[in-house]
N, C-alpha and C. Protein backbone atom coordinates (compact mmCIF):
# COMPACT_ATOMS: atom_id res chain seq x y z
N UNK A 1 -3.75 14.32 -7.41
CA UNK A 1 -3.85 13.17 -8.27
C UNK A 1 -2.67 13.07 -9.23
N UNK A 2 -2.36 14.19 -9.90
CA UNK A 2 -1.26 14.18 -10.84
C UNK A 2 0.04 13.85 -10.13
N UNK A 3 0.26 14.43 -8.95
CA UNK A 3 1.49 14.15 -8.20
C UNK A 3 1.62 12.67 -7.88
N UNK A 4 0.52 12.01 -7.52
CA UNK A 4 0.55 10.59 -7.21
C UNK A 4 0.95 9.78 -8.43
N UNK A 5 0.37 10.11 -9.59
CA UNK A 5 0.71 9.42 -10.83
C UNK A 5 2.18 9.65 -11.17
N UNK A 6 2.63 10.90 -11.01
CA UNK A 6 4.02 11.22 -11.34
C UNK A 6 4.99 10.53 -10.38
N UNK A 7 4.63 10.44 -9.12
CA UNK A 7 5.48 9.73 -8.15
C UNK A 7 5.58 8.26 -8.55
N UNK A 8 4.50 7.68 -9.04
CA UNK A 8 4.55 6.27 -9.46
C UNK A 8 5.50 6.09 -10.65
N UNK A 9 5.55 7.06 -11.54
CA UNK A 9 6.50 7.02 -12.66
C UNK A 9 7.93 7.10 -12.12
N UNK A 10 8.16 8.04 -11.21
CA UNK A 10 9.50 8.19 -10.63
C UNK A 10 9.91 6.94 -9.85
N UNK A 11 8.98 6.35 -9.13
CA UNK A 11 9.28 5.12 -8.39
C UNK A 11 9.65 3.99 -9.35
N UNK A 12 8.96 3.91 -10.49
CA UNK A 12 9.28 2.88 -11.48
C UNK A 12 10.69 3.09 -12.03
N UNK A 13 11.03 4.33 -12.31
CA UNK A 13 12.39 4.63 -12.79
C UNK A 13 13.41 4.30 -11.70
N UNK A 14 13.13 4.70 -10.48
CA UNK A 14 14.06 4.45 -9.36
C UNK A 14 14.25 2.97 -9.11
N UNK A 15 13.26 2.16 -9.40
CA UNK A 15 13.37 0.72 -9.18
C UNK A 15 14.37 0.08 -10.13
N UNK A 16 14.75 0.79 -11.18
CA UNK A 16 15.71 0.26 -12.17
C UNK A 16 17.13 0.77 -11.92
N UNK A 17 17.35 1.42 -10.82
CA UNK A 17 18.68 1.98 -10.54
C UNK A 17 19.74 0.88 -10.42
N UNK A 18 20.92 1.19 -10.94
CA UNK A 18 22.10 0.34 -10.78
C UNK A 18 23.27 1.25 -10.46
N UNK A 19 24.36 0.69 -9.99
CA UNK A 19 25.54 1.50 -9.66
C UNK A 19 26.05 2.24 -10.90
N UNK A 20 26.06 1.57 -12.05
CA UNK A 20 26.53 2.22 -13.27
C UNK A 20 25.67 3.43 -13.61
N UNK A 21 24.33 3.23 -13.68
CA UNK A 21 23.44 4.33 -14.05
C UNK A 21 23.42 5.42 -12.99
N UNK A 22 23.57 5.06 -11.73
CA UNK A 22 23.66 6.07 -10.67
C UNK A 22 24.81 7.03 -10.96
N UNK A 23 25.98 6.48 -11.26
CA UNK A 23 27.14 7.30 -11.56
C UNK A 23 26.98 8.08 -12.85
N UNK A 24 26.46 7.40 -13.87
CA UNK A 24 26.29 8.04 -15.17
C UNK A 24 25.35 9.24 -15.09
N UNK A 25 24.15 9.04 -14.54
CA UNK A 25 23.19 10.12 -14.49
C UNK A 25 23.57 11.21 -13.50
N UNK A 26 24.31 10.85 -12.46
CA UNK A 26 24.82 11.88 -11.54
C UNK A 26 25.81 12.79 -12.25
N UNK A 27 26.67 12.21 -13.10
CA UNK A 27 27.63 13.02 -13.87
C UNK A 27 26.92 13.84 -14.94
N UNK A 28 26.02 13.19 -15.68
CA UNK A 28 25.33 13.89 -16.77
C UNK A 28 24.54 15.07 -16.26
N UNK A 29 23.86 14.90 -15.13
CA UNK A 29 23.03 16.00 -14.63
C UNK A 29 23.88 17.22 -14.28
N UNK A 30 25.12 17.00 -13.86
CA UNK A 30 25.99 18.12 -13.51
C UNK A 30 26.40 18.94 -14.73
N UNK A 31 26.28 18.36 -15.93
CA UNK A 31 26.54 19.15 -17.13
C UNK A 31 25.54 20.29 -17.26
N UNK A 32 24.37 20.12 -16.66
CA UNK A 32 23.35 21.16 -16.72
C UNK A 32 23.39 22.14 -15.56
N UNK A 33 24.27 21.94 -14.60
CA UNK A 33 24.33 22.82 -13.43
C UNK A 33 24.56 24.27 -13.86
N UNK A 34 23.62 25.12 -13.50
CA UNK A 34 23.67 26.56 -13.79
C UNK A 34 23.84 26.83 -15.29
N UNK A 35 23.58 25.84 -16.13
CA UNK A 35 23.72 26.02 -17.57
C UNK A 35 25.15 26.24 -18.02
N UNK A 36 26.12 25.92 -17.14
CA UNK A 36 27.52 26.27 -17.44
C UNK A 36 28.07 25.60 -18.69
N UNK A 37 27.72 24.33 -18.94
CA UNK A 37 28.20 23.67 -20.15
C UNK A 37 27.63 24.34 -21.39
N UNK A 38 26.38 24.75 -21.30
CA UNK A 38 25.73 25.42 -22.44
C UNK A 38 26.28 26.83 -22.63
N UNK A 39 26.57 27.51 -21.55
CA UNK A 39 27.19 28.84 -21.64
C UNK A 39 28.57 28.71 -22.29
N UNK A 40 29.33 27.71 -21.86
CA UNK A 40 30.66 27.47 -22.44
C UNK A 40 30.55 27.18 -23.94
N UNK A 41 29.54 26.39 -24.32
CA UNK A 41 29.33 26.11 -25.75
C UNK A 41 29.02 27.39 -26.50
N UNK A 42 28.13 28.20 -25.97
CA UNK A 42 27.78 29.46 -26.62
C UNK A 42 28.99 30.37 -26.78
N UNK A 43 29.80 30.47 -25.75
CA UNK A 43 31.02 31.30 -25.81
C UNK A 43 32.02 30.74 -26.82
N UNK A 44 32.18 29.41 -26.82
CA UNK A 44 33.11 28.78 -27.77
C UNK A 44 32.66 29.03 -29.20
N UNK A 45 31.37 28.96 -29.46
CA UNK A 45 30.87 29.21 -30.81
C UNK A 45 31.09 30.66 -31.22
N UNK A 46 31.04 31.57 -30.28
CA UNK A 46 31.23 32.99 -30.59
C UNK A 46 32.65 33.31 -31.05
N UNK A 47 33.59 32.46 -30.70
CA UNK A 47 35.00 32.70 -31.07
C UNK A 47 35.21 32.54 -32.58
N UNK A 48 34.48 31.62 -33.19
CA UNK A 48 34.63 31.34 -34.62
C UNK A 48 33.59 32.13 -35.41
N UNK A 49 34.05 32.92 -36.37
CA UNK A 49 33.16 33.78 -37.15
C UNK A 49 32.02 32.99 -37.80
N UNK A 50 32.31 31.76 -38.27
CA UNK A 50 31.31 30.93 -38.94
C UNK A 50 30.17 30.54 -38.00
N UNK A 51 30.48 30.42 -36.72
CA UNK A 51 29.49 29.97 -35.74
C UNK A 51 29.04 31.07 -34.78
N UNK A 52 29.52 32.29 -35.00
CA UNK A 52 29.26 33.38 -34.05
C UNK A 52 27.77 33.65 -33.85
N UNK A 53 27.02 33.70 -34.93
CA UNK A 53 25.58 33.98 -34.80
C UNK A 53 24.90 32.87 -34.00
N UNK A 54 25.33 31.63 -34.20
CA UNK A 54 24.75 30.51 -33.44
C UNK A 54 25.13 30.63 -31.97
N UNK A 55 26.35 31.04 -31.69
CA UNK A 55 26.78 31.24 -30.31
C UNK A 55 25.98 32.32 -29.62
N UNK A 56 25.74 33.41 -30.33
CA UNK A 56 24.92 34.50 -29.77
C UNK A 56 23.50 34.00 -29.55
N UNK A 57 22.99 33.20 -30.48
CA UNK A 57 21.64 32.63 -30.33
C UNK A 57 21.55 31.77 -29.07
N UNK A 58 22.55 30.94 -28.85
CA UNK A 58 22.57 30.08 -27.65
C UNK A 58 22.59 30.94 -26.39
N UNK A 59 23.46 31.93 -26.35
CA UNK A 59 23.58 32.78 -25.16
C UNK A 59 22.30 33.60 -24.93
N UNK A 60 21.69 34.10 -26.00
CA UNK A 60 20.43 34.85 -25.87
C UNK A 60 19.31 33.92 -25.37
N UNK A 61 19.29 32.69 -25.87
CA UNK A 61 18.28 31.71 -25.44
C UNK A 61 18.45 31.39 -23.96
N UNK A 62 19.69 31.25 -23.53
CA UNK A 62 19.95 30.96 -22.11
C UNK A 62 19.56 32.13 -21.22
N UNK A 63 19.77 33.33 -21.71
CA UNK A 63 19.36 34.52 -20.94
C UNK A 63 17.83 34.55 -20.82
N UNK A 64 17.14 34.32 -21.92
CA UNK A 64 15.67 34.28 -21.88
C UNK A 64 15.20 33.18 -20.93
N UNK A 65 15.87 32.05 -20.98
CA UNK A 65 15.51 30.92 -20.12
C UNK A 65 15.68 31.26 -18.64
N UNK A 66 16.79 31.83 -18.27
CA UNK A 66 17.02 32.11 -16.85
C UNK A 66 16.01 33.14 -16.34
N UNK A 67 15.66 34.10 -17.19
CA UNK A 67 14.68 35.11 -16.77
C UNK A 67 13.29 34.49 -16.61
N UNK A 68 12.86 33.70 -17.59
CA UNK A 68 11.53 33.10 -17.53
C UNK A 68 11.43 31.99 -16.49
N UNK A 69 12.38 31.08 -16.54
CA UNK A 69 12.32 29.88 -15.69
C UNK A 69 12.66 30.19 -14.23
N UNK A 70 13.85 30.72 -14.03
CA UNK A 70 14.34 30.88 -12.66
C UNK A 70 13.85 32.15 -11.96
N UNK A 71 13.74 33.23 -12.71
CA UNK A 71 13.35 34.49 -12.07
C UNK A 71 11.83 34.68 -12.01
N UNK A 72 11.09 34.07 -12.94
CA UNK A 72 9.66 34.31 -12.99
C UNK A 72 8.82 33.09 -12.59
N UNK A 73 8.93 32.01 -13.35
CA UNK A 73 8.00 30.88 -13.17
C UNK A 73 8.24 30.11 -11.88
N UNK A 74 9.49 29.72 -11.60
CA UNK A 74 9.74 28.93 -10.37
C UNK A 74 9.23 29.64 -9.11
N UNK A 75 9.53 30.93 -8.92
CA UNK A 75 9.03 31.60 -7.71
C UNK A 75 7.51 31.77 -7.69
N UNK A 76 6.89 31.85 -8.87
CA UNK A 76 5.43 31.97 -8.92
C UNK A 76 4.74 30.64 -8.59
N UNK A 77 5.23 29.55 -9.18
CA UNK A 77 4.58 28.25 -9.01
C UNK A 77 4.93 27.63 -7.66
N UNK A 78 6.19 27.73 -7.26
CA UNK A 78 6.67 27.23 -5.96
C UNK A 78 6.33 25.75 -5.71
N UNK A 79 6.55 24.93 -6.71
CA UNK A 79 6.24 23.50 -6.59
C UNK A 79 7.34 22.79 -5.82
N UNK A 80 6.94 21.99 -4.85
CA UNK A 80 7.92 21.23 -4.08
C UNK A 80 8.48 20.11 -4.96
N UNK A 81 9.59 19.57 -4.52
CA UNK A 81 10.25 18.51 -5.29
C UNK A 81 9.72 17.14 -4.87
N UNK A 82 9.82 16.18 -5.78
CA UNK A 82 9.25 14.86 -5.48
C UNK A 82 9.86 14.17 -4.26
N UNK A 83 11.13 14.39 -3.99
CA UNK A 83 11.74 13.75 -2.83
C UNK A 83 11.20 14.32 -1.52
N UNK A 84 10.50 15.45 -1.59
CA UNK A 84 9.85 15.99 -0.39
C UNK A 84 8.53 15.30 -0.13
N UNK A 85 7.98 14.65 -1.14
CA UNK A 85 6.76 13.85 -0.98
C UNK A 85 7.13 12.43 -0.58
N UNK A 86 8.04 11.84 -1.34
CA UNK A 86 8.51 10.49 -1.02
C UNK A 86 9.85 10.62 -0.30
N UNK A 87 9.79 10.75 0.98
CA UNK A 87 11.00 11.00 1.78
C UNK A 87 11.86 9.75 1.94
N UNK A 88 11.35 8.60 1.51
CA UNK A 88 12.12 7.36 1.63
C UNK A 88 13.14 7.20 0.51
N UNK A 89 13.00 7.98 -0.55
CA UNK A 89 13.91 7.84 -1.69
C UNK A 89 15.32 8.30 -1.30
N UNK A 90 16.31 7.58 -1.82
CA UNK A 90 17.71 7.94 -1.57
C UNK A 90 18.16 8.90 -2.68
N UNK A 91 18.53 10.10 -2.30
CA UNK A 91 19.04 11.06 -3.29
C UNK A 91 20.49 10.74 -3.59
N UNK A 92 20.85 10.85 -4.86
CA UNK A 92 22.21 10.55 -5.30
C UNK A 92 23.04 11.82 -5.51
N UNK A 93 22.38 12.96 -5.46
CA UNK A 93 23.05 14.26 -5.59
C UNK A 93 22.58 15.15 -4.45
N UNK A 94 23.24 16.28 -4.30
CA UNK A 94 22.83 17.23 -3.26
C UNK A 94 21.42 17.74 -3.55
N UNK A 95 20.68 18.00 -2.49
CA UNK A 95 19.31 18.51 -2.64
C UNK A 95 19.33 19.87 -3.33
N UNK A 96 18.61 20.01 -4.42
CA UNK A 96 18.50 21.34 -5.05
C UNK A 96 17.82 22.31 -4.08
N UNK A 97 18.21 23.56 -4.14
CA UNK A 97 17.69 24.54 -3.17
C UNK A 97 16.53 25.36 -3.72
N UNK A 98 16.21 25.20 -5.01
CA UNK A 98 15.11 25.98 -5.57
C UNK A 98 13.88 25.11 -5.78
N UNK A 99 12.87 25.67 -6.39
CA UNK A 99 11.62 24.95 -6.62
C UNK A 99 11.74 24.01 -7.81
N UNK A 100 10.74 23.15 -7.95
CA UNK A 100 10.79 22.07 -8.92
C UNK A 100 10.30 22.44 -10.32
N UNK A 101 9.28 23.28 -10.43
CA UNK A 101 8.64 23.55 -11.73
C UNK A 101 9.03 24.89 -12.30
N UNK A 102 9.49 24.90 -13.54
CA UNK A 102 9.88 23.81 -14.42
C UNK A 102 11.32 23.40 -14.16
N UNK A 103 11.75 22.32 -14.79
CA UNK A 103 13.14 21.88 -14.63
C UNK A 103 14.07 22.86 -15.32
N UNK A 104 14.90 23.52 -14.53
CA UNK A 104 15.86 24.48 -15.09
C UNK A 104 16.94 23.82 -15.91
N UNK A 105 17.41 22.64 -15.48
CA UNK A 105 18.42 21.90 -16.24
C UNK A 105 17.88 21.56 -17.63
N UNK A 106 16.64 21.08 -17.66
CA UNK A 106 16.03 20.69 -18.93
C UNK A 106 15.77 21.92 -19.79
N UNK A 107 15.26 22.98 -19.18
CA UNK A 107 14.95 24.20 -19.93
C UNK A 107 16.22 24.78 -20.57
N UNK A 108 17.29 24.88 -19.82
CA UNK A 108 18.54 25.42 -20.37
C UNK A 108 19.07 24.53 -21.49
N UNK A 109 18.97 23.22 -21.30
CA UNK A 109 19.47 22.29 -22.31
C UNK A 109 18.68 22.41 -23.61
N UNK A 110 17.36 22.46 -23.50
CA UNK A 110 16.54 22.59 -24.70
C UNK A 110 16.64 23.99 -25.30
N UNK A 111 16.89 25.00 -24.48
CA UNK A 111 17.09 26.35 -25.02
C UNK A 111 18.32 26.37 -25.92
N UNK A 112 19.42 25.80 -25.45
CA UNK A 112 20.65 25.78 -26.24
C UNK A 112 20.48 24.94 -27.51
N UNK A 113 19.92 23.74 -27.37
CA UNK A 113 19.75 22.86 -28.52
C UNK A 113 18.81 23.49 -29.55
N UNK A 114 17.71 24.07 -29.09
CA UNK A 114 16.75 24.70 -30.00
C UNK A 114 17.35 25.93 -30.67
N UNK A 115 18.12 26.69 -29.93
CA UNK A 115 18.77 27.86 -30.53
C UNK A 115 19.68 27.43 -31.69
N UNK A 116 20.41 26.35 -31.48
CA UNK A 116 21.27 25.84 -32.56
C UNK A 116 20.44 25.42 -33.77
N UNK A 117 19.33 24.75 -33.51
CA UNK A 117 18.46 24.31 -34.60
C UNK A 117 17.89 25.51 -35.35
N UNK A 118 17.32 26.46 -34.61
CA UNK A 118 16.70 27.63 -35.25
C UNK A 118 17.72 28.56 -35.88
N UNK A 119 18.98 28.45 -35.45
CA UNK A 119 20.05 29.25 -36.06
C UNK A 119 20.63 28.55 -37.29
N UNK A 120 20.09 27.38 -37.62
CA UNK A 120 20.52 26.68 -38.83
C UNK A 120 21.69 25.74 -38.66
N UNK A 121 22.11 25.48 -37.45
CA UNK A 121 23.24 24.58 -37.19
C UNK A 121 22.69 23.19 -36.81
N UNK A 122 22.08 22.53 -37.79
CA UNK A 122 21.38 21.28 -37.54
C UNK A 122 22.27 20.17 -36.99
N UNK A 123 23.45 20.03 -37.51
CA UNK A 123 24.34 18.96 -37.03
C UNK A 123 24.70 19.15 -35.56
N UNK A 124 25.02 20.36 -35.19
CA UNK A 124 25.31 20.65 -33.78
C UNK A 124 24.05 20.45 -32.94
N UNK A 125 22.91 20.82 -33.49
CA UNK A 125 21.64 20.71 -32.76
C UNK A 125 21.30 19.27 -32.44
N UNK A 126 21.59 18.35 -33.34
CA UNK A 126 21.26 16.93 -33.10
C UNK A 126 21.99 16.44 -31.84
N UNK A 127 23.28 16.67 -31.77
CA UNK A 127 24.04 16.26 -30.58
C UNK A 127 23.56 16.96 -29.33
N UNK A 128 23.24 18.24 -29.47
CA UNK A 128 22.75 19.01 -28.31
C UNK A 128 21.40 18.48 -27.83
N UNK A 129 20.53 18.11 -28.77
CA UNK A 129 19.23 17.55 -28.38
C UNK A 129 19.37 16.21 -27.69
N UNK A 130 20.28 15.38 -28.17
CA UNK A 130 20.51 14.09 -27.50
C UNK A 130 20.94 14.33 -26.06
N UNK A 131 21.90 15.25 -25.88
CA UNK A 131 22.35 15.55 -24.52
C UNK A 131 21.22 16.18 -23.70
N UNK A 132 20.42 17.04 -24.30
CA UNK A 132 19.30 17.67 -23.59
C UNK A 132 18.31 16.63 -23.08
N UNK A 133 18.00 15.65 -23.91
CA UNK A 133 17.07 14.59 -23.51
C UNK A 133 17.66 13.77 -22.36
N UNK A 134 18.94 13.46 -22.46
CA UNK A 134 19.59 12.67 -21.40
C UNK A 134 19.64 13.46 -20.10
N UNK A 135 19.94 14.74 -20.18
CA UNK A 135 19.94 15.58 -18.97
C UNK A 135 18.53 15.64 -18.38
N UNK A 136 17.53 15.82 -19.22
CA UNK A 136 16.14 15.84 -18.73
C UNK A 136 15.79 14.54 -18.04
N UNK A 137 16.14 13.40 -18.65
CA UNK A 137 15.84 12.11 -18.03
C UNK A 137 16.61 11.94 -16.72
N UNK A 138 17.83 12.48 -16.67
CA UNK A 138 18.62 12.35 -15.44
C UNK A 138 17.91 13.00 -14.25
N UNK A 139 17.15 14.06 -14.51
CA UNK A 139 16.44 14.74 -13.43
C UNK A 139 15.33 13.85 -12.86
N UNK A 140 14.75 13.00 -13.72
CA UNK A 140 13.75 12.02 -13.26
C UNK A 140 14.43 10.88 -12.53
N UNK A 141 15.49 10.37 -13.13
CA UNK A 141 16.24 9.25 -12.54
C UNK A 141 16.73 9.60 -11.13
N UNK A 142 17.16 10.85 -10.98
CA UNK A 142 17.70 11.29 -9.69
C UNK A 142 16.61 11.73 -8.71
N UNK A 143 15.36 11.69 -9.15
CA UNK A 143 14.19 11.96 -8.30
C UNK A 143 14.12 13.41 -7.82
N UNK A 144 14.64 14.32 -8.63
CA UNK A 144 14.62 15.73 -8.22
C UNK A 144 13.58 16.55 -8.98
N UNK A 145 12.92 15.93 -9.98
CA UNK A 145 11.86 16.60 -10.72
C UNK A 145 10.74 15.63 -11.04
N UNK A 146 9.55 16.18 -11.13
CA UNK A 146 8.40 15.43 -11.62
C UNK A 146 8.47 15.38 -13.15
N UNK A 147 7.84 14.39 -13.78
CA UNK A 147 7.82 14.36 -15.25
C UNK A 147 7.27 15.64 -15.88
N UNK A 148 6.24 16.23 -15.29
CA UNK A 148 5.70 17.47 -15.87
C UNK A 148 6.68 18.64 -15.74
N UNK A 149 7.55 18.60 -14.76
CA UNK A 149 8.59 19.63 -14.64
C UNK A 149 9.53 19.55 -15.85
N UNK A 150 9.89 18.32 -16.20
CA UNK A 150 10.82 18.09 -17.31
C UNK A 150 10.15 18.44 -18.63
N UNK A 151 8.90 18.03 -18.80
CA UNK A 151 8.18 18.36 -20.04
C UNK A 151 8.02 19.88 -20.19
N UNK A 152 7.66 20.54 -19.11
CA UNK A 152 7.53 21.99 -19.16
C UNK A 152 8.88 22.66 -19.43
N UNK A 153 9.93 22.12 -18.83
CA UNK A 153 11.27 22.66 -19.09
C UNK A 153 11.66 22.53 -20.55
N UNK A 154 11.33 21.38 -21.16
CA UNK A 154 11.63 21.17 -22.58
C UNK A 154 10.84 22.16 -23.45
N UNK A 155 9.58 22.35 -23.14
CA UNK A 155 8.75 23.28 -23.91
C UNK A 155 9.23 24.72 -23.74
N UNK A 156 9.50 25.12 -22.50
CA UNK A 156 9.97 26.47 -22.24
C UNK A 156 11.34 26.70 -22.91
N UNK A 157 12.22 25.71 -22.80
CA UNK A 157 13.53 25.82 -23.42
C UNK A 157 13.44 25.96 -24.93
N UNK A 158 12.54 25.20 -25.54
CA UNK A 158 12.36 25.30 -27.00
C UNK A 158 11.89 26.69 -27.39
N UNK A 159 10.96 27.23 -26.63
CA UNK A 159 10.49 28.59 -26.87
C UNK A 159 11.64 29.59 -26.74
N UNK A 160 12.44 29.44 -25.70
CA UNK A 160 13.59 30.34 -25.49
C UNK A 160 14.62 30.19 -26.60
N UNK A 161 14.80 28.97 -27.10
CA UNK A 161 15.72 28.75 -28.22
C UNK A 161 15.26 29.50 -29.47
N UNK A 162 13.95 29.47 -29.72
CA UNK A 162 13.39 30.20 -30.85
C UNK A 162 13.61 31.70 -30.68
N UNK A 163 13.31 32.20 -29.48
CA UNK A 163 13.48 33.63 -29.19
C UNK A 163 14.96 34.03 -29.32
N UNK A 164 15.85 33.21 -28.78
CA UNK A 164 17.28 33.51 -28.86
C UNK A 164 17.78 33.55 -30.29
N UNK A 165 17.33 32.61 -31.12
CA UNK A 165 17.76 32.57 -32.52
C UNK A 165 17.22 33.78 -33.28
N UNK A 166 15.96 34.14 -33.01
CA UNK A 166 15.39 35.32 -33.66
C UNK A 166 16.12 36.60 -33.24
N UNK A 167 16.46 36.70 -31.97
CA UNK A 167 17.18 37.88 -31.47
C UNK A 167 18.56 37.97 -32.13
N UNK A 168 19.24 36.83 -32.24
CA UNK A 168 20.57 36.82 -32.86
C UNK A 168 20.47 37.19 -34.34
N UNK A 169 19.47 36.67 -35.01
CA UNK A 169 19.28 36.99 -36.44
C UNK A 169 19.06 38.48 -36.63
N UNK A 170 18.22 39.06 -35.78
CA UNK A 170 17.97 40.52 -35.87
C UNK A 170 19.23 41.31 -35.57
N UNK A 171 19.95 40.89 -34.55
CA UNK A 171 21.17 41.61 -34.18
C UNK A 171 22.20 41.58 -35.31
N UNK A 172 22.38 40.41 -35.92
CA UNK A 172 23.36 40.29 -36.98
C UNK A 172 22.89 40.96 -38.26
N UNK A 173 21.58 40.99 -38.56
CA UNK A 173 21.13 41.69 -39.75
C UNK A 173 21.25 43.19 -39.58
N UNK A 174 21.05 43.69 -38.37
CA UNK A 174 21.20 45.13 -38.17
C UNK A 174 22.66 45.56 -38.25
N UNK A 175 23.58 44.66 -37.92
CA UNK A 175 25.01 44.98 -38.05
C UNK A 175 25.43 45.03 -39.51
N UNK A 176 24.79 44.22 -40.34
CA UNK A 176 25.13 44.19 -41.77
C UNK A 176 24.56 45.40 -42.51
N UNK A 177 23.51 45.99 -41.97
CA UNK A 177 22.85 47.12 -42.66
C UNK A 177 23.61 48.40 -42.55
């Protein structure tokens, strides 16, 4: 039942496709591939002493995310992707090779954005959250995730962001002691 409702949401989104949005969301979604943009952000923040703790928080959050999302939850749940149910849909990107639940792109994006927020870098977090939401929506637009995959990814990522920020805070306080 839930899958049918979610497919109807995805079909409604797909019915609004245009050449511009096809290109836009195809590009945006690639920013989340393997979390590389977020890893690059975390590494870049680590270079500057003022942002180092935030960079460590982002990287710790991404590590927690990959362990929970990709190594644990996806193989346990083994949810098929929506394009495997609606085989008539035209995919605009290469078929992902892993399972659907939760959305790894969304989880990594929210992990990084949340880590910035919990690390006290609110201005950076606002931009990161905007990008995280757009990346999450791109996964729906591209028909590679169900809405509940994206919602679960956002929730899991937020949890990982909190854990990453707490780990970074502990690490930096123990260095000061």
